[in-house]
């Protein structure tokens, strides 16, 4: 412990004395273009829909089949009750709930009017807005069809059979900042952690102090801990400061279980820092370290779901995204801050990131050699 404390003191002194950052070198644009141009798209599709059909008539089933045939929606089956459908919306298994009330067909035939309820997960307000818009367009087309079917084509455009009542959950005002600020905060924490740790060992090589450390009796594990912990503290401070700014300036809602964000950040930062440290064991210069770090981070960031829903990416890109730590943290911070999710809701991402972090840091320790080539 004493050795680690000495290393921490040395690292903090070195960090605060070196306040300048070298210009960022952009990475392989051709490779990024090939990967990201195919994966990142602003078209909203594959919207998961749960149907609560309390009418169970030919008319209600016709409406469901028209939505399924549109190509925008993936029908996730029917739910027996509003409560079970909402649980699926809460768990992320559905983006929209289509509720068809009882006596839907009877109200259309006798009264000429009927209501439908669309409940949307508005954490991603773009997906919620476009998804309900697609559904409303399909319902309008269905509306025209049943006017003819029920013998009421004479009704003018001011009259309607079906009234749609959309309800955006978790982000009722559809505020775009509520969706973006948590994701941007994750990106900032990731960039700070990976770049600082990535250039740390390389800077020791460039200024010659790495030789002095190599001849000391410090073990590799102590060395890696001493390099990692200062940036871990800095990353958590940045996370706390960013959450404070988000709450005070952008009015982003923060639920009482915000401690889950810090718990996830505490195991996420070692993974990010470990990636930077692993890169620094391969690089000989700070430029090389930044080049390698930026190469991976650009792919991670643009495939993380910050701008484009992961569900809209091609199948191969979604499979590749399984090893993307940024995607996990963005999903978790949005769930906790906007949904108020519990640990049970994010436990899968938590243990995956914890496992990835352990693997990366073990590789960093094994790859660091106290002998110069």
Protein backbone atom coordinates (compact mmCIF):
# COMPACT_ATOMS: atom_id res chain seq x y z
CA UNK A 1 0.00 0.00 0.00
CA UNK A 2 2.86 2.38 0.81
CA UNK A 3 4.34 1.80 -2.66
CA UNK A 4 1.01 2.56 -4.32
CA UNK A 5 0.63 5.77 -2.27
CA UNK A 6 4.09 6.90 -3.33
CA UNK A 7 3.18 6.16 -6.95
CA UNK A 8 -0.07 8.10 -6.57
CA UNK A 9 1.76 11.14 -5.22
CA UNK A 10 4.23 10.99 -8.07
CA UNK A 11 1.47 10.61 -10.69
CA UNK A 12 -0.61 13.49 -9.36
CA UNK A 13 2.44 15.76 -9.32
CA UNK A 14 3.22 14.76 -12.89
CA UNK A 15 -0.38 15.26 -14.03
CA UNK A 16 -0.69 18.76 -12.61
CA UNK A 17 2.68 19.84 -13.96
CA UNK A 18 1.78 18.79 -17.51
CA UNK A 19 -1.33 20.78 -18.41
CA UNK A 20 -0.84 20.89 -22.16
CA UNK A 21 -2.26 18.35 -24.59
CA UNK A 22 -0.86 17.57 -28.00
CA UNK A 23 -3.14 18.15 -30.99
CA UNK A 24 -5.44 15.24 -31.65
CA UNK A 25 -4.40 13.14 -34.63
CA UNK A 26 -7.34 11.88 -36.69
CA UNK A 27 -7.33 8.17 -37.36
CA UNK A 28 -7.67 6.08 -40.47
CA UNK A 29 -10.60 7.88 -42.17
CA UNK A 30 -11.00 5.24 -44.86
CA UNK A 31 -11.43 2.38 -42.34
CA UNK A 32 -13.85 4.43 -40.23
CA UNK A 33 -15.84 5.42 -43.30
CA UNK A 34 -16.20 1.80 -44.39
CA UNK A 35 -17.43 0.67 -40.96
CA UNK A 36 -19.47 3.63 -39.75
CA UNK A 37 -21.15 4.65 -43.02
CA UNK A 38 -22.84 1.25 -43.08
CA UNK A 39 -23.62 1.08 -39.37
CA UNK A 40 -24.77 4.63 -38.54
CA UNK A 41 -28.13 5.62 -40.02
CA UNK A 42 -30.74 8.19 -39.05
CA UNK A 43 -33.61 6.13 -40.43
CA UNK A 44 -35.80 4.87 -37.60
CA UNK A 45 -36.93 1.28 -38.09
CA UNK A 46 -37.26 -1.96 -36.15
CA UNK A 47 -39.47 -0.23 -33.58
CA UNK A 48 -40.58 -2.84 -31.05
CA UNK A 49 -44.34 -2.78 -30.45
CA UNK A 50 -46.37 -4.58 -27.80
CA UNK A 51 -50.08 -4.87 -28.55
CA UNK A 52 -52.74 -4.87 -25.83
CA UNK A 53 -55.80 -5.97 -27.82
CA UNK A 54 -58.79 -5.93 -25.51
CA UNK A 55 -61.22 -6.09 -28.44
CA UNK A 56 -60.06 -9.28 -30.20
CA UNK A 57 -62.12 -8.66 -33.33
CA UNK A 58 -61.36 -8.84 -37.03
CA UNK A 59 -61.01 -5.06 -37.17
CA UNK A 60 -58.45 -4.89 -34.37
CA UNK A 61 -56.44 -7.75 -35.87
CA UNK A 62 -56.51 -6.02 -39.27
CA UNK A 63 -55.00 -2.90 -37.74
CA UNK A 64 -52.23 -4.93 -36.09
CA UNK A 65 -51.46 -6.71 -39.37
CA UNK A 66 -51.20 -3.38 -41.24
CA UNK A 67 -48.67 -2.09 -38.71
CA UNK A 68 -46.68 -5.31 -38.98
CA UNK A 69 -46.67 -5.14 -42.79
CA UNK A 70 -45.39 -1.55 -42.82
CA UNK A 71 -41.75 -2.62 -42.28
CA UNK A 72 -41.17 -0.04 -39.54
CA UNK A 73 -42.36 -2.12 -36.62
CA UNK A 74 -41.40 -5.42 -35.04
CA UNK A 75 -44.43 -6.89 -33.31
CA UNK A 76 -43.26 -8.31 -29.99
CA UNK A 77 -46.49 -10.19 -29.45
CA UNK A 78 -49.55 -9.35 -27.41
CA UNK A 79 -49.78 -8.58 -23.73
CA UNK A 80 -52.70 -9.60 -21.60
CA UNK A 81 -52.82 -6.40 -19.53
CA UNK A 82 -51.64 -2.80 -19.39
CA UNK A 83 -49.42 -3.58 -16.38
CA UNK A 84 -47.48 -6.38 -18.10
CA UNK A 85 -47.07 -4.25 -21.24
CA UNK A 86 -45.72 -1.36 -19.20
CA UNK A 87 -43.22 -3.69 -17.51
CA UNK A 88 -41.92 -4.63 -20.95
CA UNK A 89 -41.67 -0.93 -21.83
CA UNK A 90 -39.79 -0.35 -18.58
CA UNK A 91 -37.42 -3.25 -19.25
CA UNK A 92 -36.63 -2.02 -22.76
CA UNK A 93 -38.35 -4.93 -24.51
CA UNK A 94 -40.74 -2.55 -26.28
CA UNK A 95 -40.59 0.97 -27.69
CA UNK A 96 -44.32 1.49 -28.16
CA UNK A 97 -47.47 0.03 -26.62
CA UNK A 98 -50.53 -0.05 -28.87
CA UNK A 99 -53.63 -0.40 -26.73
CA UNK A 100 -56.87 -1.30 -28.51
CA UNK A 101 -59.76 -0.88 -26.08
CA UNK A 102 -62.70 -3.21 -25.67
CA UNK A 103 -65.65 -2.57 -28.00
CA UNK A 104 -63.29 -0.97 -30.54
CA UNK A 105 -65.10 -2.45 -33.56
CA UNK A 106 -68.56 -1.84 -32.04
CA UNK A 107 -67.80 1.83 -31.42
CA UNK A 108 -66.61 2.22 -34.99
CA UNK A 109 -69.74 0.65 -36.47
CA UNK A 110 -72.32 2.28 -34.20
CA UNK A 111 -70.81 5.60 -33.18
CA UNK A 112 -68.34 6.18 -35.98
CA UNK A 113 -65.54 6.94 -33.52
CA UNK A 114 -63.06 4.97 -31.41
CA UNK A 115 -59.94 5.68 -29.40
CA UNK A 116 -56.50 4.11 -29.56
CA UNK A 117 -53.72 4.61 -27.03
CA UNK A 118 -50.05 4.76 -28.08
CA UNK A 119 -47.57 4.76 -25.19
CA UNK A 120 -43.98 5.41 -26.30
CA UNK A 121 -40.64 5.11 -24.53
CA UNK A 122 -39.48 8.71 -24.95
CA UNK A 123 -36.00 8.38 -23.47
CA UNK A 124 -34.97 8.48 -27.13
CA UNK A 125 -37.33 11.28 -28.08
CA UNK A 126 -36.43 11.05 -31.78
CA UNK A 127 -37.42 7.40 -31.92
CA UNK A 128 -40.57 8.05 -29.90
CA UNK A 129 -41.65 10.98 -32.09
CA UNK A 130 -41.00 9.24 -35.39
CA UNK A 131 -42.38 5.92 -34.14
CA UNK A 132 -45.69 7.42 -33.06
CA UNK A 133 -45.72 9.44 -36.28
CA UNK A 134 -45.34 6.26 -38.36
CA UNK A 135 -48.09 4.60 -36.34
CA UNK A 136 -50.41 7.59 -36.75
CA UNK A 137 -49.85 7.53 -40.52
CA UNK A 138 -50.70 3.82 -40.69
CA UNK A 139 -53.79 4.35 -38.56
CA UNK A 140 -54.88 7.20 -40.86
CA UNK A 141 -54.60 4.86 -43.84
CA UNK A 142 -56.50 2.21 -41.92
CA UNK A 143 -59.09 4.84 -41.06
CA UNK A 144 -59.78 5.54 -44.74
CA UNK A 145 -60.06 1.83 -45.45
CA UNK A 146 -62.67 1.12 -42.80
CA UNK A 147 -64.76 4.12 -43.81
CA UNK A 148 -65.39 2.34 -47.07
CA UNK A 149 -65.74 -1.03 -45.34
CA UNK A 150 -68.38 0.24 -42.93
CA UNK A 151 -70.18 2.25 -45.58
CA UNK A 152 -69.24 5.77 -44.44
CA UNK A 153 -67.05 7.17 -47.22
CA UNK A 154 -69.06 10.40 -47.18
CA UNK A 155 -67.48 11.57 -43.91
CA UNK A 156 -65.33 14.64 -44.53
CA UNK A 157 -61.74 15.11 -43.41
CA UNK A 158 -62.85 16.87 -40.25
CA UNK A 159 -64.54 13.72 -39.02
CA UNK A 160 -62.80 10.57 -37.99
CA UNK A 161 -63.40 7.06 -36.85
CA UNK A 162 -60.28 6.61 -34.74
CA UNK A 163 -58.70 9.07 -32.34
CA UNK A 164 -55.07 8.37 -31.39
CA UNK A 165 -53.85 9.45 -27.95
CA UNK A 166 -50.01 9.25 -27.83
CA UNK A 167 -48.38 9.22 -24.38
CA UNK A 168 -44.57 9.61 -24.18
CA UNK A 169 -43.18 7.79 -21.14
CA UNK A 170 -40.00 8.73 -19.17
CA UNK A 171 -39.54 11.98 -21.14
CA UNK A 172 -43.05 13.47 -21.33
CA UNK A 173 -41.89 16.81 -22.76
CA UNK A 174 -39.80 15.08 -25.48
CA UNK A 175 -36.87 17.25 -24.44
CA UNK A 176 -33.92 16.36 -26.68
CA UNK A 177 -31.39 17.46 -24.04
CA UNK A 178 -32.64 14.83 -21.61
CA UNK A 179 -31.64 12.23 -24.20
CA UNK A 180 -28.32 13.75 -25.27
CA UNK A 181 -26.75 15.16 -22.09
CA UNK A 182 -26.25 11.79 -20.31
CA UNK A 183 -24.74 10.29 -23.46
CA UNK A 184 -22.41 13.23 -24.05
CA UNK A 185 -21.27 13.02 -20.41
CA UNK A 186 -20.30 9.37 -20.95
CA UNK A 187 -18.30 10.37 -24.04
CA UNK A 188 -16.43 13.10 -22.13
CA UNK A 189 -15.54 10.74 -19.28
CA UNK A 190 -14.41 8.12 -21.80
CA UNK A 191 -12.22 10.56 -23.74
CA UNK A 192 -10.61 11.99 -20.60
CA UNK A 193 -9.85 8.55 -19.16
CA UNK A 194 -8.58 6.88 -22.30
CA UNK A 195 -6.42 9.72 -23.60
CA UNK A 196 -4.79 10.57 -20.27
CA UNK A 197 -4.01 6.97 -19.39
CA UNK A 198 -3.02 6.15 -22.98
CA UNK A 199 -0.34 8.83 -23.08
CA UNK A 200 0.89 8.35 -19.54
CA UNK A 201 3.37 5.48 -19.91
CA UNK A 202 4.40 6.72 -23.35
CA UNK A 203 5.30 10.12 -21.89
CA UNK A 204 7.48 8.33 -19.34
CA UNK A 205 9.27 6.68 -22.27
CA UNK A 206 9.75 9.97 -24.12
CA UNK A 207 11.17 11.92 -21.18
CA UNK A 208 13.31 8.98 -20.00
CA UNK A 209 11.78 8.49 -16.54
CA UNK A 210 10.50 5.02 -17.46
CA UNK A 211 14.08 3.70 -17.13
CA UNK A 212 14.27 5.01 -13.58
CA UNK A 213 11.01 3.26 -12.70
CA UNK A 214 12.12 0.02 -14.35
CA UNK A 215 15.17 -0.31 -12.10
CA UNK A 216 13.13 0.15 -8.91
CA UNK A 217 11.70 -2.87 -7.02
CA UNK A 218 8.15 -1.75 -7.86
CA UNK A 219 6.10 -4.69 -9.09
CA UNK A 220 4.17 -4.49 -12.33
CA UNK A 221 0.85 -4.67 -10.46
CA UNK A 222 1.83 -1.74 -8.23
CA UNK A 223 2.98 0.17 -11.28
CA UNK A 224 -0.32 -0.31 -13.14
CA UNK A 225 -2.37 0.57 -10.04
CA UNK A 226 -0.29 3.68 -9.52
CA UNK A 227 -0.89 4.71 -13.13
CA UNK A 228 -4.61 3.91 -13.09
CA UNK A 229 -5.90 5.24 -9.76
CA UNK A 230 -5.21 8.98 -10.30
CA UNK A 231 -7.21 8.98 -13.52
CA UNK A 232 -9.92 6.90 -11.85
CA UNK A 233 -10.39 9.66 -9.28
CA UNK A 234 -10.29 12.32 -11.99
CA UNK A 235 -12.88 10.43 -14.05
CA UNK A 236 -15.29 10.10 -11.13
CA UNK A 237 -14.89 13.81 -10.38
CA UNK A 238 -15.67 14.64 -14.01
CA UNK A 239 -18.71 12.39 -13.86
CA UNK A 240 -20.02 14.07 -10.69
CA UNK A 241 -19.35 17.55 -12.05
CA UNK A 242 -21.07 16.70 -15.34
CA UNK A 243 -24.15 15.36 -13.54
CA UNK A 244 -24.31 18.55 -11.51
CA UNK A 245 -24.14 20.70 -14.65
CA UNK A 246 -26.77 18.54 -16.33
CA UNK A 247 -29.14 18.97 -13.40
CA UNK A 248 -28.59 22.69 -12.83
CA UNK A 249 -28.21 23.97 -16.39
CA UNK A 250 -30.16 21.51 -18.54
CA UNK A 251 -32.66 20.39 -15.87
CA UNK A 252 -32.01 16.73 -16.62
CA UNK A 253 -34.03 14.67 -14.11
CA UNK A 254 -32.00 12.73 -11.56
CA UNK A 255 -33.70 9.99 -9.56
CA UNK A 256 -32.82 9.01 -6.01
CA UNK A 257 -30.85 5.94 -7.17
CA UNK A 258 -28.27 8.08 -8.97
CA UNK A 259 -25.67 6.21 -6.92
CA UNK A 260 -26.05 3.47 -9.55
CA UNK A 261 -24.47 5.81 -12.10
CA UNK A 262 -21.43 6.26 -9.85
CA UNK A 263 -21.28 2.53 -9.13
CA UNK A 264 -21.31 1.77 -12.84
CA UNK A 265 -18.81 4.58 -13.48
CA UNK A 266 -16.52 3.10 -10.83
CA UNK A 267 -16.26 -0.19 -12.76
CA UNK A 268 -16.47 1.43 -16.20
CA UNK A 269 -13.46 3.72 -15.68
CA UNK A 270 -10.99 0.86 -14.99
CA UNK A 271 -12.05 -0.65 -18.31
CA UNK A 272 -11.50 2.61 -20.20
CA UNK A 273 -8.27 3.34 -18.35
CA UNK A 274 -7.12 -0.22 -18.96
CA UNK A 275 -7.65 0.21 -22.69
CA UNK A 276 -5.51 3.36 -22.58
CA UNK A 277 -2.81 1.65 -20.53
CA UNK A 278 -2.81 -1.37 -22.83
CA UNK A 279 -2.38 0.92 -25.83
CA UNK A 280 0.45 2.77 -24.11
CA UNK A 281 2.37 -0.48 -23.60
CA UNK A 282 2.47 -0.93 -27.38
CA UNK A 283 3.11 2.70 -28.40
CA UNK A 284 6.53 4.36 -28.37
CA UNK A 285 5.34 7.96 -28.73
CA UNK A 286 2.39 10.01 -27.53
CA UNK A 287 1.31 10.53 -31.13
CA UNK A 288 1.08 6.79 -31.67
CA UNK A 289 -0.88 6.34 -28.45
CA UNK A 290 -3.37 9.05 -29.41
CA UNK A 291 -3.71 7.63 -32.91
CA UNK A 292 -4.54 4.16 -31.61
CA UNK A 293 -6.86 5.43 -28.88
CA UNK A 294 -8.75 7.71 -31.25
CA UNK A 295 -9.10 4.91 -33.81
CA UNK A 296 -11.01 2.71 -31.37
CA UNK A 297 -12.90 5.52 -29.63
CA UNK A 298 -14.41 6.96 -32.81
CA UNK A 299 -15.86 3.55 -33.66
CA UNK A 300 -17.06 2.99 -30.09
CA UNK A 301 -18.69 6.44 -29.90
CA UNK A 302 -20.48 6.42 -33.24
CA UNK A 303 -21.75 2.88 -32.67
CA UNK A 304 -22.74 3.51 -29.05
CA UNK A 305 -26.33 4.64 -29.63
CA UNK A 306 -25.55 8.27 -28.82
CA UNK A 307 -26.83 9.55 -32.17
CA UNK A 308 -28.31 6.46 -33.81
CA UNK A 309 -30.30 3.69 -32.14
CA UNK A 310 -28.31 0.46 -32.01
CA UNK A 311 -31.43 -1.42 -33.16
CA UNK A 312 -31.26 0.42 -36.50
CA UNK A 313 -27.77 -0.87 -37.32
CA UNK A 314 -27.13 -3.91 -39.50
CA UNK A 315 -27.04 -7.29 -37.77
CA UNK A 316 -23.25 -7.60 -38.00
CA UNK A 317 -22.83 -4.16 -36.42
CA UNK A 318 -25.13 -5.05 -33.53
CA UNK A 319 -23.09 -8.20 -32.87
CA UNK A 320 -19.86 -6.19 -33.00
CA UNK A 321 -21.39 -3.74 -30.51
CA UNK A 322 -21.41 -6.45 -27.82
CA UNK A 323 -17.81 -5.49 -26.99
CA UNK A 324 -18.51 -1.74 -27.02
CA UNK A 325 -18.21 -0.44 -23.43
CA UNK A 326 -19.46 3.05 -24.36
CA UNK A 327 -22.79 1.60 -25.54
CA UNK A 328 -23.31 -0.10 -22.18
CA UNK A 329 -22.64 3.02 -20.11
CA UNK A 330 -24.84 5.24 -22.32
CA UNK A 331 -27.71 2.77 -22.00
CA UNK A 332 -27.25 2.51 -18.23
CA UNK A 333 -27.00 6.25 -17.53
CA UNK A 334 -30.12 6.99 -19.61
CA UNK A 335 -32.05 4.21 -17.89
CA UNK A 336 -31.11 5.33 -14.40
CA UNK A 337 -31.51 9.09 -14.94
CA UNK A 338 -34.71 9.02 -16.98
CA UNK A 339 -36.40 5.76 -15.98
CA UNK A 340 -35.15 5.44 -12.43
CA UNK A 341 -34.03 1.88 -13.13
CA UNK A 342 -32.78 -0.33 -10.30
CA UNK A 343 -29.64 -2.46 -10.11
CA UNK A 344 -31.61 -5.49 -11.28
CA UNK A 345 -32.38 -3.62 -14.52
CA UNK A 346 -28.70 -2.90 -15.26
CA UNK A 347 -27.05 -5.94 -13.68
CA UNK A 348 -26.32 -7.53 -17.07
CA UNK A 349 -24.39 -4.50 -18.31
CA UNK A 350 -22.72 -4.11 -14.91
CA UNK A 351 -21.18 -7.58 -14.83
CA UNK A 352 -20.24 -7.52 -18.51
CA UNK A 353 -18.29 -4.29 -18.09
CA UNK A 354 -16.74 -5.59 -14.87
CA UNK A 355 -15.56 -8.70 -16.70
CA UNK A 356 -14.25 -6.75 -19.69
CA UNK A 357 -12.38 -4.43 -17.34
CA UNK A 358 -10.71 -7.33 -15.54
CA UNK A 359 -9.59 -8.87 -18.83
CA UNK A 360 -8.21 -5.62 -20.26
CA UNK A 361 -6.27 -4.74 -17.11
CA UNK A 362 -4.82 -8.24 -16.82
CA UNK A 363 -3.60 -7.89 -20.40
CA UNK A 364 -2.13 -4.47 -19.59
CA UNK A 365 -0.23 -5.90 -16.60
CA UNK A 366 1.04 -8.90 -18.57
CA UNK A 367 2.08 -6.79 -21.57
CA UNK A 368 4.06 -4.25 -19.54
CA UNK A 369 7.71 -5.21 -19.35
CA UNK A 370 10.24 -3.65 -17.04
CA UNK A 371 12.92 -4.29 -19.58
CA UNK A 372 13.60 -1.96 -22.51
CA UNK A 373 13.75 -3.52 -25.94
